[in-house]
C-alpha atoms as a PDB file:
ATOM      1  CA  MET A   1      23.494  18.796  -0.173  1.00  0.00           C
ATOM      2  CA  ASN A   2      20.854  20.891  -1.661  1.00  0.00           C
ATOM      3  CA  ASN A   3      17.281  20.556  -0.172  1.00  0.00           C
ATOM      4  CA  ILE A   4      14.541  19.195  -2.326  1.00  0.00           C
ATOM      5  CA  LEU A   5      12.223  21.750  -0.953  1.00  0.00           C
ATOM      6  CA  ASN A   6      14.782  24.756  -1.848  1.00  0.00           C
ATOM      7  CA  GLU A   7      14.460  23.315  -5.509  1.00  0.00           C
ATOM      8  CA  ILE A   8      10.439  22.997  -5.666  1.00  0.00           C
ATOM      9  CA  GLY A   9       9.748  25.863  -3.023  1.00  0.00           C
ATOM     10  CA  ILE A  10       7.251  25.340  -0.152  1.00  0.00           C
ATOM     11  CA  GLU A  11       4.627  27.433  -2.125  1.00  0.00           C
ATOM     12  CA  ASN A  12       4.073  24.477  -4.558  1.00  0.00           C
ATOM     13  CA  TYR A  13       3.346  22.332  -1.588  1.00  0.00           C
ATOM     14  CA  ILE A  14       1.153  24.787  -0.391  1.00  0.00           C
ATOM     15  CA  PHE A  15      -1.087  24.850  -3.560  1.00  0.00           C
ATOM     16  CA  LEU A  16      -0.879  21.427  -3.865  1.00  0.00           C
ATOM     17  CA  SER A  17      -2.180  20.666  -0.446  1.00  0.00           C
ATOM     18  CA  THR A  18      -5.034  23.415  -1.064  1.00  0.00           C
ATOM     19  CA  ILE A  19      -5.812  21.767  -4.197  1.00  0.00           C
ATOM     20  CA  LEU A  20      -6.192  18.095  -2.734  1.00  0.00           C
ATOM     21  CA  PHE A  21      -8.141  19.789   0.148  1.00  0.00           C
ATOM     22  CA  SER A  22     -10.607  21.496  -1.992  1.00  0.00           C
ATOM     23  CA  ILE A  23     -11.630  18.295  -3.901  1.00  0.00           C
ATOM     24  CA  GLY A  24     -11.845  16.627  -0.534  1.00  0.00           C
ATOM     25  CA  VAL A  25     -14.455  18.737   0.480  1.00  0.00           C
ATOM     26  CA  PHE A  26     -15.682  19.064  -2.868  1.00  0.00           C
ATOM     27  CA  GLY A  27     -16.581  15.264  -2.973  1.00  0.00           C
ATOM     28  CA  VAL A  28     -17.921  15.308   0.750  1.00  0.00           C
ATOM     29  CA  LEU A  29     -20.459  18.017  -0.030  1.00  0.00           C
ATOM     30  CA  TYR A  30     -21.540  17.067  -3.450  1.00  0.00           C
ATOM     31  CA  ARG A  31     -21.369  13.238  -3.907  1.00  0.00           C
ATOM     32  CA  ARG A  32     -23.981  10.656  -2.555  1.00  0.00           C
ATOM     33  CA  ASN A  33     -21.982   7.792  -2.709  1.00  0.00           C
ATOM     34  CA  ALA A  34     -20.702   6.640   1.104  1.00  0.00           C
ATOM     35  CA  ILE A  35     -17.573   4.871  -0.712  1.00  0.00           C
ATOM     36  CA  ILE A  36     -16.647   8.233  -2.521  1.00  0.00           C
ATOM     37  CA  VAL A  37     -17.313  10.278   0.517  1.00  0.00           C
ATOM     38  CA  PHE A  38     -15.108   8.128   2.496  1.00  0.00           C
ATOM     39  CA  MET A  39     -12.406   8.166  -0.411  1.00  0.00           C
ATOM     40  CA  SER A  40     -12.919  12.238  -0.111  1.00  0.00           C
ATOM     41  CA  ILE A  41     -12.251  12.274   3.542  1.00  0.00           C
ATOM     42  CA  GLU A  42      -8.874  10.348   3.011  1.00  0.00           C
ATOM     43  CA  ILE A  43      -8.026  12.862   0.189  1.00  0.00           C
ATOM     44  CA  MET A  44      -8.456  15.618   3.022  1.00  0.00           C
ATOM     45  CA  LEU A  45      -6.143  13.976   5.471  1.00  0.00           C
ATOM     46  CA  ASN A  46      -3.499  13.416   2.694  1.00  0.00           C
ATOM     47  CA  ALA A  47      -3.656  17.165   2.136  1.00  0.00           C
ATOM     48  CA  VAL A  48      -3.004  17.778   5.274  1.00  0.00           C
ATOM     49  CA  ASN A  49      -0.396  15.236   5.624  1.00  0.00           C
ATOM     50  CA  LEU A  50       1.528  16.863   2.989  1.00  0.00           C
ATOM     51  CA  LEU A  51       1.495  20.188   4.781  1.00  0.00           C
ATOM     52  CA  PHE A  52       2.730  18.909   7.864  1.00  0.00           C
ATOM     53  CA  VAL A  53       5.662  16.746   5.910  1.00  0.00           C
ATOM     54  CA  ALA A  54       6.524  20.217   3.882  1.00  0.00           C
ATOM     55  CA  PHE A  55       6.514  22.426   6.684  1.00  0.00           C
ATOM     56  CA  SER A  56       8.637  19.748   8.678  1.00  0.00           C
ATOM     57  CA  THR A  57      11.377  19.641   5.968  1.00  0.00           C
ATOM     58  CA  TYR A  58      11.188  23.544   5.601  1.00  0.00           C
ATOM     59  CA  HIS A  59      11.749  24.141   9.235  1.00  0.00           C
ATOM     60  CA  GLN A  60      14.319  20.846   9.364  1.00  0.00           C
ATOM     61  CA  ASP A  61      12.197  19.646  12.433  1.00  0.00           C
ATOM     62  CA  ALA A  62      11.358  15.854  12.037  1.00  0.00           C
ATOM     63  CA  GLN A  63       8.240  16.383  14.878  1.00  0.00           C
ATOM     64  CA  GLY A  64       5.965  16.874  12.169  1.00  0.00           C
ATOM     65  CA  GLN A  65       6.872  13.588   9.888  1.00  0.00           C
ATOM     66  CA  ILE A  66       6.305  11.625  13.560  1.00  0.00           C
ATOM     67  CA  PHE A  67       3.104  12.994  13.609  1.00  0.00           C
ATOM     68  CA  VAL A  68       2.033  11.997   9.899  1.00  0.00           C
ATOM     69  CA  PHE A  69       3.415   8.555  10.818  1.00  0.00           C
ATOM     70  CA  PHE A  70       1.129   8.098  13.182  1.00  0.00           C
ATOM     71  CA  SER A  71      -1.509  10.052  11.832  1.00  0.00           C
ATOM     72  CA  MET A  72      -1.533   7.602   8.638  1.00  0.00           C
ATOM     73  CA  ALA A  73      -1.694   4.470  10.974  1.00  0.00           C
ATOM     74  CA  VAL A  74      -4.786   6.002  12.787  1.00  0.00           C
ATOM     75  CA  ALA A  75      -6.470   6.553   9.084  1.00  0.00           C
ATOM     76  CA  ALA A  76      -5.583   2.733   8.513  1.00  0.00           C
ATOM     77  CA  ALA A  77      -7.704   1.755  11.068  1.00  0.00           C
ATOM     78  CA  GLU A  78     -10.252   4.233  10.028  1.00  0.00           C
ATOM     79  CA  VAL A  79     -10.743   2.491   6.626  1.00  0.00           C
ATOM     80  CA  ALA A  80     -10.679  -0.669   7.933  1.00  0.00           C
ATOM     81  CA  VAL A  81     -13.597   0.405  10.449  1.00  0.00           C
ATOM     82  CA  GLY A  82     -15.387   2.314   7.777  1.00  0.00           C
ATOM     83  CA  LEU A  83     -15.044  -0.408   5.432  1.00  0.00           C
ATOM     84  CA  ALA A  84     -16.578  -2.932   7.583  1.00  0.00           C
ATOM     85  CA  ILE A  85     -19.474  -0.493   8.411  1.00  0.00           C
ATOM     86  CA  LEU A  86     -20.433   0.004   4.796  1.00  0.00           C
ATOM     87  CA  VAL A  87     -20.073  -3.598   3.778  1.00  0.00           C
ATOM     88  CA  SER A  88     -22.864  -4.285   6.611  1.00  0.00           C
ATOM     89  CA  ILE A  89     -24.916  -1.654   5.656  1.00  0.00           C
ATOM     90  CA  PHE A  90     -24.988  -2.812   1.818  1.00  0.00           C
ATOM     91  CA  ARG A  91     -25.968  -6.117   3.016  1.00  0.00           C
ATOM     92  CA  ASN A  92     -29.002  -4.938   5.086  1.00  0.00           C
ATOM     93  CA  LEU A  93     -30.031  -1.851   2.538  1.00  0.00           C
ATOM     94  CA  GLY A  94     -28.809  -3.404  -0.597  1.00  0.00           C
ATOM     95  CA  SER A  95     -27.341   0.033  -1.347  1.00  0.00           C
ATOM     96  CA  ILE A  96     -24.570   2.643   0.502  1.00  0.00           C
ATOM     97  CA  ASP A  97     -26.480   5.773  -0.753  1.00  0.00           C
ATOM     98  CA  ILE A  98     -26.296   8.290   1.853  1.00  0.00           C
ATOM     99  CA  ASN A  99     -29.820   9.526   1.279  1.00  0.00           C
ATOM    100  CA  LYS A 100     -31.324   5.625   2.089  1.00  0.00           C
ATOM    101  CA  LEU A 101     -28.943   5.911   5.393  1.00  0.00           C
ATOM    102  CA  LYS A 102     -31.021   8.720   6.414  1.00  0.00           C
ATOM    103  CA  ASN A 103     -33.770   5.864   7.440  1.00  0.00           C
ATOM    104  CA  LEU A 104     -31.592   4.484  10.254  1.00  0.00           C
ATOM    105  CA  LYS A 105     -32.146   7.189  12.532  1.00  0.00           C
ATOM    106  CA  GLY A 106     -33.813   5.310  15.678  1.00  0.00           C
END
């Protein structure tokens, strides 16, 4: 049985994960829309999860894949709570611009 990782190579997974993580960092640092920032954080999380699965397959150990499973479950809960907070902020302020959120400091 030929492993897919042997055909593609671990380097390509590392390269793809680096690109995804860089796109996520760029989105967090340079965008002002809270939904875009939220999606960028999710892209960064998925880049890390991709590396976990790739290295788990490379070392033929399922612990990395199990960690990714629980990480994705926590991320799904985080998305639900985060979107509920954003909807609440939009109802109160009429915008989800990050610059307007600085006015919420008490």
